[in-house]
């Protein structure tokens, strides 16, 4: 009887931990990530990573609020980018604005809906994005998986194009103004700080 009781206590503990970890963090009113992402030219050469060739397209740095997070295990890009973060900056990092939105992810897409828009739709597009995260090492991958919705993250790395020997290719957007297919950023994450 004791092993069953111990197993049940352990299971309840794990479930409580998971529920607490997945609960969004609310920061209250005010913009918590005011700066726009910084993208600059790079001359860094292509390099091998896992079974892919990675071509840096631009240096990239962003401080933003995590609006959603989705793990991928089985799609074509999962071996490279196991997690996507929807990031918001400017007014898309303010609880008073975000309370109007329903944000979801799926199939490497980011979707938002608001019954009434508190800011212009063009600002939503220019101040939030779905970003595919390629962790440079196991430590960064663990940190990415630990990120919670509502936290502010500072990510530094490259916007990249990834190529596989079989001809498969995945290229980052280089604009914050685009929407639809190809509009997501593909980031090779070299540094990650979580606030």
Protein backbone atom coordinates (compact mmCIF):
# COMPACT_ATOMS: atom_id res chain seq x y z
CA UNK A 1 0.00 0.00 0.00
CA UNK A 2 2.84 2.39 0.79
CA UNK A 3 4.38 2.31 -2.71
CA UNK A 4 0.99 3.19 -4.25
CA UNK A 5 0.49 6.06 -1.80
CA UNK A 6 4.01 7.35 -2.51
CA UNK A 7 3.41 7.13 -6.26
CA UNK A 8 0.13 9.05 -5.92
CA UNK A 9 1.78 11.79 -3.84
CA UNK A 10 4.58 12.06 -6.40
CA UNK A 11 2.09 12.24 -9.27
CA UNK A 12 0.04 14.97 -7.55
CA UNK A 13 3.24 16.91 -6.86
CA UNK A 14 4.29 16.72 -10.51
CA UNK A 15 0.84 17.82 -11.70
CA UNK A 16 0.78 20.77 -9.28
CA UNK A 17 4.26 21.82 -10.39
CA UNK A 18 3.27 21.59 -14.07
CA UNK A 19 0.07 23.59 -13.55
CA UNK A 20 1.97 26.33 -11.72
CA UNK A 21 4.70 26.44 -14.36
CA UNK A 22 2.19 26.73 -17.21
CA UNK A 23 0.15 29.50 -15.56
CA UNK A 24 0.71 32.88 -17.27
CA UNK A 25 2.44 35.67 -15.38
CA UNK A 26 0.58 38.99 -15.22
CA UNK A 27 2.71 42.11 -14.80
CA UNK A 28 -0.06 44.68 -14.42
CA UNK A 29 -0.64 47.83 -16.40
CA UNK A 30 2.15 49.35 -18.43
CA UNK A 31 4.52 48.46 -21.25
CA UNK A 32 7.16 46.01 -19.97
CA UNK A 33 9.16 45.68 -23.21
CA UNK A 34 9.27 49.14 -24.83
CA UNK A 35 12.08 48.69 -27.37
CA UNK A 36 11.67 47.46 -30.93
CA UNK A 37 13.83 44.51 -32.05
CA UNK A 38 17.29 45.38 -33.36
CA UNK A 39 18.42 43.84 -36.64
CA UNK A 40 21.81 44.62 -38.20
CA UNK A 41 23.81 43.29 -41.14
CA UNK A 42 26.15 40.37 -40.58
CA UNK A 43 29.02 38.86 -42.52
CA UNK A 44 29.16 35.67 -40.49
CA UNK A 45 29.80 32.58 -42.55
CA UNK A 46 27.55 29.55 -42.87
CA UNK A 47 28.23 26.70 -40.46
CA UNK A 48 27.10 23.15 -39.78
CA UNK A 49 24.66 22.53 -36.96
CA UNK A 50 23.25 19.06 -36.32
CA UNK A 51 22.43 17.81 -39.84
CA UNK A 52 21.73 21.33 -41.16
CA UNK A 53 23.71 24.15 -42.73
CA UNK A 54 22.94 27.46 -41.02
CA UNK A 55 23.46 30.71 -42.92
CA UNK A 56 23.28 33.83 -40.72
CA UNK A 57 21.24 36.54 -42.48
CA UNK A 58 21.33 39.27 -39.81
CA UNK A 59 22.35 39.86 -36.22
CA UNK A 60 19.21 40.05 -34.11
CA UNK A 61 18.37 41.14 -30.58
CA UNK A 62 14.94 41.41 -29.00
CA UNK A 63 13.57 42.13 -25.57
CA UNK A 64 9.90 41.18 -25.50
CA UNK A 65 7.09 39.71 -23.49
CA UNK A 66 6.17 36.07 -24.11
CA UNK A 67 2.55 35.99 -25.32
CA UNK A 68 2.42 32.26 -26.13
CA UNK A 69 4.71 29.26 -26.32
CA UNK A 70 4.39 26.04 -28.32
CA UNK A 71 6.63 22.98 -28.38
CA UNK A 72 7.12 20.91 -31.53
CA UNK A 73 8.31 17.34 -31.62
CA UNK A 74 7.14 15.79 -34.87
CA UNK A 75 7.08 18.37 -37.68
CA UNK A 76 9.89 18.77 -40.20
CA UNK A 77 11.59 21.58 -38.28
CA UNK A 78 11.33 20.07 -34.79
CA UNK A 79 14.89 18.69 -34.81
CA UNK A 80 16.11 22.23 -35.44
CA UNK A 81 13.60 24.53 -33.70
CA UNK A 82 11.75 22.61 -30.98
CA UNK A 83 9.88 25.64 -29.63
CA UNK A 84 8.13 28.73 -30.97
CA UNK A 85 7.56 31.84 -28.88
CA UNK A 86 5.02 34.52 -29.74
CA UNK A 87 6.73 37.70 -28.58
CA UNK A 88 5.22 41.15 -28.07
CA UNK A 89 6.89 44.52 -27.59
CA UNK A 90 5.67 48.09 -27.26
CA UNK A 91 1.98 48.17 -26.42
CA UNK A 92 1.76 44.45 -27.18
CA UNK A 93 3.62 43.92 -23.89
CA UNK A 94 1.04 45.78 -21.77
CA UNK A 95 -1.53 43.80 -19.73
CA UNK A 96 -4.10 46.58 -20.30
CA UNK A 97 -3.85 45.96 -24.06
CA UNK A 98 -3.34 42.19 -23.97
CA UNK A 99 -6.52 41.58 -21.93
CA UNK A 100 -8.51 42.24 -25.13
CA UNK A 101 -6.72 39.51 -27.11
CA UNK A 102 -7.03 35.78 -27.45
CA UNK A 103 -3.69 34.44 -28.66
CA UNK A 104 -3.03 30.91 -29.91
CA UNK A 105 -0.46 28.91 -31.85
CA UNK A 106 -0.53 25.82 -34.00
CA UNK A 107 1.20 24.38 -37.02
CA UNK A 108 3.98 26.98 -36.64
CA UNK A 109 1.41 29.82 -36.96
CA UNK A 110 0.37 32.53 -34.51
CA UNK A 111 -3.25 33.66 -34.37
CA UNK A 112 -4.85 36.51 -32.51
CA UNK A 113 -8.42 37.65 -32.06
CA UNK A 114 -10.00 40.64 -30.31
CA UNK A 115 -13.70 41.48 -30.24
CA UNK A 116 -12.71 45.14 -30.14
CA UNK A 117 -9.22 46.35 -30.91
CA UNK A 118 -7.56 48.51 -28.24
CA UNK A 119 -4.79 49.43 -30.73
CA UNK A 120 -4.69 49.46 -34.56
CA UNK A 121 -4.34 46.07 -36.26
CA UNK A 122 -1.22 47.33 -38.04
CA UNK A 123 0.40 47.94 -34.63
CA UNK A 124 -0.44 44.40 -33.54
CA UNK A 125 1.32 43.09 -36.66
CA UNK A 126 4.34 45.36 -36.18
CA UNK A 127 4.66 44.74 -32.43
CA UNK A 128 4.25 40.97 -32.16
CA UNK A 129 5.50 37.93 -34.01
CA UNK A 130 5.82 34.16 -33.91
CA UNK A 131 9.50 33.30 -33.66
CA UNK A 132 10.97 29.85 -34.28
CA UNK A 133 13.77 29.28 -31.75
CA UNK A 134 16.90 27.29 -32.61
CA UNK A 135 18.82 26.82 -29.35
CA UNK A 136 22.59 26.83 -29.88
CA UNK A 137 23.11 24.23 -27.13
CA UNK A 138 21.28 21.98 -24.65
CA UNK A 139 21.44 24.56 -21.86
CA UNK A 140 19.65 27.15 -24.00
CA UNK A 141 17.08 24.57 -25.05
CA UNK A 142 16.28 23.84 -21.40
CA UNK A 143 15.95 27.57 -20.69
CA UNK A 144 13.60 28.01 -23.67
CA UNK A 145 11.39 25.18 -22.42
CA UNK A 146 11.28 26.83 -18.98
CA UNK A 147 10.04 30.19 -20.31
CA UNK A 148 6.52 31.08 -19.10
CA UNK A 149 3.86 33.16 -20.80
CA UNK A 150 4.04 36.68 -19.39
CA UNK A 151 7.77 36.68 -18.75
CA UNK A 152 10.06 39.14 -20.48
CA UNK A 153 12.92 37.57 -22.41
CA UNK A 154 16.00 39.06 -24.01
CA UNK A 155 17.14 36.97 -26.98
CA UNK A 156 20.34 37.54 -28.94
CA UNK A 157 21.41 35.62 -32.00
CA UNK A 158 21.03 35.53 -35.77
CA UNK A 159 18.10 35.48 -38.13
CA UNK A 160 19.04 32.53 -40.32
CA UNK A 161 18.33 30.29 -43.24
CA UNK A 162 18.59 26.57 -42.52
CA UNK A 163 19.20 23.98 -45.23
CA UNK A 164 19.12 20.19 -45.03
CA UNK A 165 21.06 17.92 -47.44
CA UNK A 166 17.73 16.54 -48.75
CA UNK A 167 16.87 19.98 -50.18
CA UNK A 168 14.55 21.13 -47.36
CA UNK A 169 14.98 24.83 -46.59
CA UNK A 170 13.66 27.20 -43.92
CA UNK A 171 14.32 30.94 -44.18
CA UNK A 172 13.67 33.68 -41.64
CA UNK A 173 11.68 36.79 -42.38
CA UNK A 174 13.82 39.93 -42.27
CA UNK A 175 10.87 42.28 -41.67
CA UNK A 176 8.60 43.02 -38.71
CA UNK A 177 5.84 44.29 -41.04
CA UNK A 178 4.97 41.12 -42.94
CA UNK A 179 2.17 38.65 -42.29
CA UNK A 180 1.21 35.20 -43.54
CA UNK A 181 3.44 32.39 -44.80
CA UNK A 182 7.13 33.19 -44.44
CA UNK A 183 6.55 36.07 -42.01
CA UNK A 184 8.00 34.35 -38.93
CA UNK A 185 11.51 34.87 -37.67
CA UNK A 186 13.84 31.87 -37.52
CA UNK A 187 16.34 32.70 -34.77
CA UNK A 188 19.56 30.89 -33.96
CA UNK A 189 19.58 31.68 -30.23
CA UNK A 190 23.06 32.35 -28.83
CA UNK A 191 21.98 34.09 -25.60
CA UNK A 192 18.77 34.08 -23.58
CA UNK A 193 17.93 36.05 -20.44
CA UNK A 194 14.61 35.67 -18.65
CA UNK A 195 13.21 38.41 -16.40
